[in-house]
Amino acid sequence: MAQKLKLKKGDKVIVTAGRDKGKRGEILKMLRTQNKALVGGVNVVKRHTKASQAGPGGINTKELPIAISNIAIEDPKDGKPTRVGFKELKDGRKVRFAKRSGEVIDV
């Protein structure tokens, strides 16, 4: 069964480990069953493809998924990596907040 995650599509994240450490990007797609996320501009690889009837060959670049343990959400206040917590607002909504600054992430 897929795990409940604290990250969502569209979140601004920072890579905390691996060869792309320090890079920033936006989550394009969450892969909950694999505990991975597809982040724009991060973990970019080149694929050499042979020409076929479907299309021409060449060297294509694409992004591969990165483990969610290696990314952290960007704090909306100062742009540094932070952890995520949940709290209820006075109007009853449950929102995510940055533990570093206390700033609400969901608007």
C-alpha atoms as a PDB file:
ATOM      1  CA  MET A   1       0.000   0.000   0.000  1.00  0.00           C
ATOM      2  CA  ALA A   2       1.208   3.514  -0.815  1.00  0.00           C
ATOM      3  CA  GLN A   3       2.513   5.602   2.055  1.00  0.00           C
ATOM      4  CA  LYS A   4       0.987   8.974   3.033  1.00  0.00           C
ATOM      5  CA  LEU A   5       3.546  11.630   2.154  1.00  0.00           C
ATOM      6  CA  LYS A   6       4.031  15.229   3.283  1.00  0.00           C
ATOM      7  CA  LEU A   7       5.062  16.439  -0.179  1.00  0.00           C
ATOM      8  CA  LYS A   8       2.760  17.298  -3.087  1.00  0.00           C
ATOM      9  CA  LYS A   9       2.966  18.023  -6.779  1.00  0.00           C
ATOM     10  CA  GLY A  10       3.935  21.662  -7.278  1.00  0.00           C
ATOM     11  CA  ASP A  11       6.015  21.991  -4.084  1.00  0.00           C
ATOM     12  CA  LYS A  12       9.371  23.770  -4.321  1.00  0.00           C
ATOM     13  CA  VAL A  13      12.064  21.412  -3.029  1.00  0.00           C
ATOM     14  CA  ILE A  14      15.831  21.266  -2.449  1.00  0.00           C
ATOM     15  CA  VAL A  15      17.931  18.130  -3.002  1.00  0.00           C
ATOM     16  CA  THR A  16      19.709  17.203   0.248  1.00  0.00           C
ATOM     17  CA  ALA A  17      21.764  14.183  -0.887  1.00  0.00           C
ATOM     18  CA  GLY A  18      23.258  12.649  -4.002  1.00  0.00           C
ATOM     19  CA  ARG A  19      25.059  14.031  -7.029  1.00  0.00           C
ATOM     20  CA  ASP A  20      22.515  16.869  -7.432  1.00  0.00           C
ATOM     21  CA  LYS A  21      22.814  18.037  -3.809  1.00  0.00           C
ATOM     22  CA  GLY A  22      21.853  21.693  -3.441  1.00  0.00           C
ATOM     23  CA  LYS A  23      19.785  21.888  -6.639  1.00  0.00           C
ATOM     24  CA  ARG A  24      16.290  23.323  -6.447  1.00  0.00           C
ATOM     25  CA  GLY A  25      13.230  22.378  -8.439  1.00  0.00           C
ATOM     26  CA  GLU A  26       9.510  21.849  -8.461  1.00  0.00           C
ATOM     27  CA  ILE A  27       7.837  18.477  -8.011  1.00  0.00           C
ATOM     28  CA  LEU A  28       6.315  17.475 -11.348  1.00  0.00           C
ATOM     29  CA  LYS A  29       4.916  14.098 -10.287  1.00  0.00           C
ATOM     30  CA  MET A  30       4.744  12.009  -7.116  1.00  0.00           C
ATOM     31  CA  LEU A  31       5.314   8.242  -7.337  1.00  0.00           C
ATOM     32  CA  ARG A  32       3.847   7.169  -3.987  1.00  0.00           C
ATOM     33  CA  THR A  33       4.186   3.415  -4.502  1.00  0.00           C
ATOM     34  CA  GLN A  34       7.942   3.790  -5.141  1.00  0.00           C
ATOM     35  CA  ASN A  35       8.482   6.580  -2.545  1.00  0.00           C
ATOM     36  CA  LYS A  36       9.956   8.769  -5.275  1.00  0.00           C
ATOM     37  CA  ALA A  37       9.269  12.132  -6.884  1.00  0.00           C
ATOM     38  CA  LEU A  38       9.962  13.558 -10.319  1.00  0.00           C
ATOM     39  CA  VAL A  39      11.623  16.964  -9.815  1.00  0.00           C
ATOM     40  CA  GLY A  40      12.161  19.402 -12.682  1.00  0.00           C
ATOM     41  CA  GLY A  41      15.838  19.967 -13.545  1.00  0.00           C
ATOM     42  CA  VAL A  42      17.102  17.371 -11.061  1.00  0.00           C
ATOM     43  CA  ASN A  43      18.565  13.897 -11.747  1.00  0.00           C
ATOM     44  CA  VAL A  44      18.809  14.612 -15.478  1.00  0.00           C
ATOM     45  CA  VAL A  45      20.269  11.793 -17.599  1.00  0.00           C
ATOM     46  CA  LYS A  46      21.006  11.292 -21.290  1.00  0.00           C
ATOM     47  CA  ARG A  47      19.542   8.387 -23.217  1.00  0.00           C
ATOM     48  CA  HIS A  48      20.977   7.291 -26.562  1.00  0.00           C
ATOM     49  CA  THR A  49      18.117   6.056 -28.732  1.00  0.00           C
ATOM     50  CA  LYS A  50      18.329   4.169 -31.974  1.00  0.00           C
ATOM     51  CA  ALA A  51      16.313   5.444 -34.934  1.00  0.00           C
ATOM     52  CA  SER A  52      13.073   3.575 -35.615  1.00  0.00           C
ATOM     53  CA  GLN A  53       9.788   4.070 -37.426  1.00  0.00           C
ATOM     54  CA  ALA A  54       8.437   5.785 -34.320  1.00  0.00           C
ATOM     55  CA  GLY A  55      11.012   8.586 -34.520  1.00  0.00           C
ATOM     56  CA  PRO A  56      14.568   9.635 -35.203  1.00  0.00           C
ATOM     57  CA  GLY A  57      17.458   8.490 -33.058  1.00  0.00           C
ATOM     58  CA  GLY A  58      19.710  10.744 -31.061  1.00  0.00           C
ATOM     59  CA  ILE A  59      20.652  11.738 -27.575  1.00  0.00           C
ATOM     60  CA  ASN A  60      17.639  12.646 -25.439  1.00  0.00           C
ATOM     61  CA  THR A  61      17.745  14.159 -21.958  1.00  0.00           C
ATOM     62  CA  LYS A  62      15.110  13.396 -19.357  1.00  0.00           C
ATOM     63  CA  GLU A  63      14.561  13.556 -15.626  1.00  0.00           C
ATOM     64  CA  LEU A  64      14.459  10.400 -13.557  1.00  0.00           C
ATOM     65  CA  PRO A  65      12.647  10.077 -10.221  1.00  0.00           C
ATOM     66  CA  ILE A  66      14.569  10.832  -7.024  1.00  0.00           C
ATOM     67  CA  ALA A  67      13.941   9.244  -3.617  1.00  0.00           C
ATOM     68  CA  ILE A  68      11.831  11.420  -1.334  1.00  0.00           C
ATOM     69  CA  SER A  69      14.328  10.837   1.470  1.00  0.00           C
ATOM     70  CA  ASN A  70      16.817  12.896  -0.565  1.00  0.00           C
ATOM     71  CA  ILE A  71      14.633  15.992  -0.963  1.00  0.00           C
ATOM     72  CA  ALA A  72      13.324  18.568   1.492  1.00  0.00           C
ATOM     73  CA  ILE A  73      10.675  21.210   1.032  1.00  0.00           C
ATOM     74  CA  GLU A  74      11.882  24.803   0.680  1.00  0.00           C
ATOM     75  CA  ASP A  75      10.942  27.144   3.543  1.00  0.00           C
ATOM     76  CA  PRO A  76       8.667  29.887   2.160  1.00  0.00           C
ATOM     77  CA  LYS A  77      10.307  32.486   4.422  1.00  0.00           C
ATOM     78  CA  ASP A  78      14.069  32.040   3.864  1.00  0.00           C
ATOM     79  CA  GLY A  79      14.356  29.386   1.112  1.00  0.00           C
ATOM     80  CA  LYS A  80      16.301  26.868   3.207  1.00  0.00           C
ATOM     81  CA  PRO A  81      15.375  23.172   3.567  1.00  0.00           C
ATOM     82  CA  THR A  82      12.803  22.432   6.250  1.00  0.00           C
ATOM     83  CA  ARG A  83      10.661  19.640   7.605  1.00  0.00           C
ATOM     84  CA  VAL A  84       6.895  19.663   7.312  1.00  0.00           C
ATOM     85  CA  GLY A  85       4.297  19.498  10.049  1.00  0.00           C
ATOM     86  CA  PHE A  86       0.511  19.640  10.170  1.00  0.00           C
ATOM     87  CA  LYS A  87      -1.716  21.936  12.215  1.00  0.00           C
ATOM     88  CA  GLU A  88      -5.336  23.016  12.297  1.00  0.00           C
ATOM     89  CA  LEU A  89      -6.247  26.636  11.734  1.00  0.00           C
ATOM     90  CA  LYS A  90      -8.979  28.421  13.688  1.00  0.00           C
ATOM     91  CA  ASP A  91     -11.414  27.951  10.798  1.00  0.00           C
ATOM     92  CA  GLY A  92     -10.946  24.157  11.038  1.00  0.00           C
ATOM     93  CA  ARG A  93      -8.712  23.613   7.984  1.00  0.00           C
ATOM     94  CA  LYS A  94      -5.786  21.199   8.322  1.00  0.00           C
ATOM     95  CA  VAL A  95      -2.702  22.754   6.684  1.00  0.00           C
ATOM     96  CA  ARG A  96       0.987  21.981   6.272  1.00  0.00           C
ATOM     97  CA  PHE A  97       3.534  24.299   7.864  1.00  0.00           C
ATOM     98  CA  ALA A  98       7.322  24.684   7.758  1.00  0.00           C
ATOM     99  CA  LYS A  99       8.838  23.572  11.056  1.00  0.00           C
ATOM    100  CA  ARG A 100      11.809  25.906  10.543  1.00  0.00           C
ATOM    101  CA  SER A 101       9.839  29.176  10.457  1.00  0.00           C
ATOM    102  CA  GLY A 102       6.284  28.161  11.368  1.00  0.00           C
ATOM    103  CA  GLU A 103       5.069  29.599   8.053  1.00  0.00           C
ATOM    104  CA  VAL A 104       1.985  27.942   6.482  1.00  0.00           C
ATOM    105  CA  ILE A 105       2.838  26.165   3.202  1.00  0.00           C
ATOM    106  CA  ASP A 106      -0.703  25.490   1.955  1.00  0.00           C
ATOM    107  CA  VAL A 107      -2.685  28.578   1.043  1.00  0.00           C
END
